[in-house]
Amino acid sequence: MEEEKEPCSCHKTKKRSGKEYKDLINRLNRIEGQIRGIRGMVEKDAYCPDILIQVAAANAALNSFNKVLLANHIRTCVIDDIREGREETVDELLVTLQKLMK
């Protein structure tokens, strides 16, 4: 008799509202466009400081994306888990913050 395997619970997922999903995807699309623009600058032998300025803008956009995603995570997942008694989510959040601050 084969043992029935439980679904893997090692990966969590999150259902996002339509508004949150659209906002995140729009931000990522803009960042993707910035990265393609930077690649184009390199391919066209653009002046280094001009490329560096565009890279800084892309980094700022990624940081902004992280801030929005983190705020949404705290307002939904973290609060919901704490209310349901899953306080280990706080430890998970702290580990995530430590990685973000490297």
C-alpha atoms as a PDB file:
ATOM      1  CA  MET A   1       0.000   0.000   0.000  1.00  0.00           C
ATOM      2  CA  GLU A   2       1.414   3.360  -1.055  1.00  0.00           C
ATOM      3  CA  GLU A   3       1.617   6.121   1.458  1.00  0.00           C
ATOM      4  CA  GLU A   4      -0.476   9.156   0.559  1.00  0.00           C
ATOM      5  CA  LYS A   5       1.668  12.260   0.473  1.00  0.00           C
ATOM      6  CA  GLU A   6       0.461  15.526   1.916  1.00  0.00           C
ATOM      7  CA  PRO A   7       0.784  18.595  -0.279  1.00  0.00           C
ATOM      8  CA  CYS A   8       3.996  20.502   0.272  1.00  0.00           C
ATOM      9  CA  SER A   9       3.419  23.277   2.781  1.00  0.00           C
ATOM     10  CA  CYS A  10       6.931  24.654   2.329  1.00  0.00           C
ATOM     11  CA  HIS A  11       5.784  27.318  -0.112  1.00  0.00           C
ATOM     12  CA  LYS A  12       3.252  29.904   0.919  1.00  0.00           C
ATOM     13  CA  THR A  13       1.098  31.825  -1.501  1.00  0.00           C
ATOM     14  CA  LYS A  14      -1.051  34.919  -1.188  1.00  0.00           C
ATOM     15  CA  LYS A  15      -4.214  35.932  -2.943  1.00  0.00           C
ATOM     16  CA  ARG A  16      -3.922  39.595  -3.854  1.00  0.00           C
ATOM     17  CA  SER A  17      -6.773  41.947  -4.560  1.00  0.00           C
ATOM     18  CA  GLY A  18      -7.158  43.069  -8.159  1.00  0.00           C
ATOM     19  CA  LYS A  19      -5.965  46.553  -7.215  1.00  0.00           C
ATOM     20  CA  GLU A  20      -2.858  45.309  -5.391  1.00  0.00           C
ATOM     21  CA  TYR A  21      -2.006  42.888  -8.212  1.00  0.00           C
ATOM     22  CA  LYS A  22      -2.418  45.574 -10.880  1.00  0.00           C
ATOM     23  CA  ASP A  23      -0.298  48.074  -8.925  1.00  0.00           C
ATOM     24  CA  LEU A  24       2.542  45.598  -8.404  1.00  0.00           C
ATOM     25  CA  ILE A  25       2.519  44.448 -12.038  1.00  0.00           C
ATOM     26  CA  ASN A  26       2.499  48.058 -13.285  1.00  0.00           C
ATOM     27  CA  ARG A  27       5.496  48.853 -11.090  1.00  0.00           C
ATOM     28  CA  LEU A  28       7.347  45.775 -12.341  1.00  0.00           C
ATOM     29  CA  ASN A  29       6.554  46.635 -15.954  1.00  0.00           C
ATOM     30  CA  ARG A  30       8.043  50.110 -15.470  1.00  0.00           C
ATOM     31  CA  ILE A  31      11.147  48.622 -13.837  1.00  0.00           C
ATOM     32  CA  GLU A  32      11.476  46.108 -16.651  1.00  0.00           C
ATOM     33  CA  GLY A  33      11.315  48.978 -19.133  1.00  0.00           C
ATOM     34  CA  GLN A  34      14.017  50.826 -17.217  1.00  0.00           C
ATOM     35  CA  ILE A  35      16.268  47.762 -17.310  1.00  0.00           C
ATOM     36  CA  ARG A  36      15.724  47.345 -21.056  1.00  0.00           C
ATOM     37  CA  GLY A  37      16.579  51.034 -21.452  1.00  0.00           C
ATOM     38  CA  ILE A  38      19.811  50.565 -19.507  1.00  0.00           C
ATOM     39  CA  ARG A  39      20.710  47.591 -21.680  1.00  0.00           C
ATOM     40  CA  GLY A  40      20.074  49.705 -24.758  1.00  0.00           C
ATOM     41  CA  MET A  41      22.336  52.419 -23.386  1.00  0.00           C
ATOM     42  CA  VAL A  42      25.143  49.892 -22.891  1.00  0.00           C
ATOM     43  CA  GLU A  43      24.599  48.490 -26.389  1.00  0.00           C
ATOM     44  CA  LYS A  44      24.811  52.039 -27.823  1.00  0.00           C
ATOM     45  CA  ASP A  45      27.979  52.840 -25.876  1.00  0.00           C
ATOM     46  CA  ALA A  46      26.326  55.535 -23.761  1.00  0.00           C
ATOM     47  CA  TYR A  47      28.469  57.611 -21.410  1.00  0.00           C
ATOM     48  CA  CYS A  48      29.064  55.794 -18.080  1.00  0.00           C
ATOM     49  CA  PRO A  49      27.607  58.508 -15.775  1.00  0.00           C
ATOM     50  CA  ASP A  50      24.418  58.563 -17.858  1.00  0.00           C
ATOM     51  CA  ILE A  51      24.037  54.798 -17.415  1.00  0.00           C
ATOM     52  CA  LEU A  52      24.813  55.030 -13.702  1.00  0.00           C
ATOM     53  CA  ILE A  53      22.052  57.605 -13.235  1.00  0.00           C
ATOM     54  CA  GLN A  54      19.567  55.281 -14.933  1.00  0.00           C
ATOM     55  CA  VAL A  55      20.734  52.359 -12.787  1.00  0.00           C
ATOM     56  CA  ALA A  56      20.175  54.491  -9.670  1.00  0.00           C
ATOM     57  CA  ALA A  57      16.648  55.263 -10.897  1.00  0.00           C
ATOM     58  CA  ALA A  58      15.956  51.536 -11.423  1.00  0.00           C
ATOM     59  CA  ASN A  59      17.295  50.766  -7.934  1.00  0.00           C
ATOM     60  CA  ALA A  60      15.020  53.441  -6.466  1.00  0.00           C
ATOM     61  CA  ALA A  61      12.054  51.922  -8.315  1.00  0.00           C
ATOM     62  CA  LEU A  62      12.895  48.455  -6.949  1.00  0.00           C
ATOM     63  CA  ASN A  63      13.203  49.872  -3.423  1.00  0.00           C
ATOM     64  CA  SER A  64       9.821  51.525  -3.827  1.00  0.00           C
ATOM     65  CA  PHE A  65       8.348  48.218  -5.024  1.00  0.00           C
ATOM     66  CA  ASN A  66       9.788  46.497  -1.930  1.00  0.00           C
ATOM     67  CA  LYS A  67       8.287  49.129   0.380  1.00  0.00           C
ATOM     68  CA  VAL A  68       4.820  48.721  -1.143  1.00  0.00           C
ATOM     69  CA  LEU A  69       5.025  44.913  -1.065  1.00  0.00           C
ATOM     70  CA  LEU A  70       6.319  44.889   2.517  1.00  0.00           C
ATOM     71  CA  ALA A  71       3.586  47.260   3.702  1.00  0.00           C
ATOM     72  CA  ASN A  72       0.924  45.101   2.048  1.00  0.00           C
ATOM     73  CA  HIS A  73       2.457  41.981   3.606  1.00  0.00           C
ATOM     74  CA  ILE A  74       2.403  43.476   7.108  1.00  0.00           C
ATOM     75  CA  ARG A  75      -1.154  44.807   6.724  1.00  0.00           C
ATOM     76  CA  THR A  76      -2.507  41.468   5.519  1.00  0.00           C
ATOM     77  CA  CYS A  77      -0.443  38.315   6.065  1.00  0.00           C
ATOM     78  CA  VAL A  78       1.347  39.313   9.258  1.00  0.00           C
ATOM     79  CA  ILE A  79      -1.690  40.787  10.994  1.00  0.00           C
ATOM     80  CA  ASP A  80      -3.917  37.864   9.957  1.00  0.00           C
ATOM     81  CA  ASP A  81      -1.371  35.294  11.155  1.00  0.00           C
ATOM     82  CA  ILE A  82      -0.923  37.025  14.524  1.00  0.00           C
ATOM     83  CA  ARG A  83      -4.696  37.175  15.006  1.00  0.00           C
ATOM     84  CA  GLU A  84      -4.826  33.431  14.285  1.00  0.00           C
ATOM     85  CA  GLY A  85      -2.086  32.737  16.841  1.00  0.00           C
ATOM     86  CA  ARG A  86       0.739  32.072  14.365  1.00  0.00           C
ATOM     87  CA  GLU A  87       3.322  34.280  16.025  1.00  0.00           C
ATOM     88  CA  GLU A  88       6.178  32.585  14.126  1.00  0.00           C
ATOM     89  CA  THR A  89       5.236  34.962  11.310  1.00  0.00           C
ATOM     90  CA  VAL A  90       6.916  37.745  13.303  1.00  0.00           C
ATOM     91  CA  ASP A  91      10.175  35.771  13.266  1.00  0.00           C
ATOM     92  CA  GLU A  92       9.772  35.236   9.514  1.00  0.00           C
ATOM     93  CA  LEU A  93       9.227  38.983   9.069  1.00  0.00           C
ATOM     94  CA  LEU A  94      12.350  39.778  11.090  1.00  0.00           C
ATOM     95  CA  VAL A  95      14.453  37.426   8.951  1.00  0.00           C
ATOM     96  CA  THR A  96      13.043  39.049   5.808  1.00  0.00           C
ATOM     97  CA  LEU A  97      13.835  42.539   7.125  1.00  0.00           C
ATOM     98  CA  GLN A  98      17.393  41.491   7.972  1.00  0.00           C
ATOM     99  CA  LYS A  99      17.860  40.249   4.388  1.00  0.00           C
ATOM    100  CA  LEU A 100      16.431  43.484   2.976  1.00  0.00           C
ATOM    101  CA  MET A 101      18.797  45.604   5.072  1.00  0.00           C
ATOM    102  CA  LYS A 102      22.026  43.935   3.886  1.00  0.00           C
END
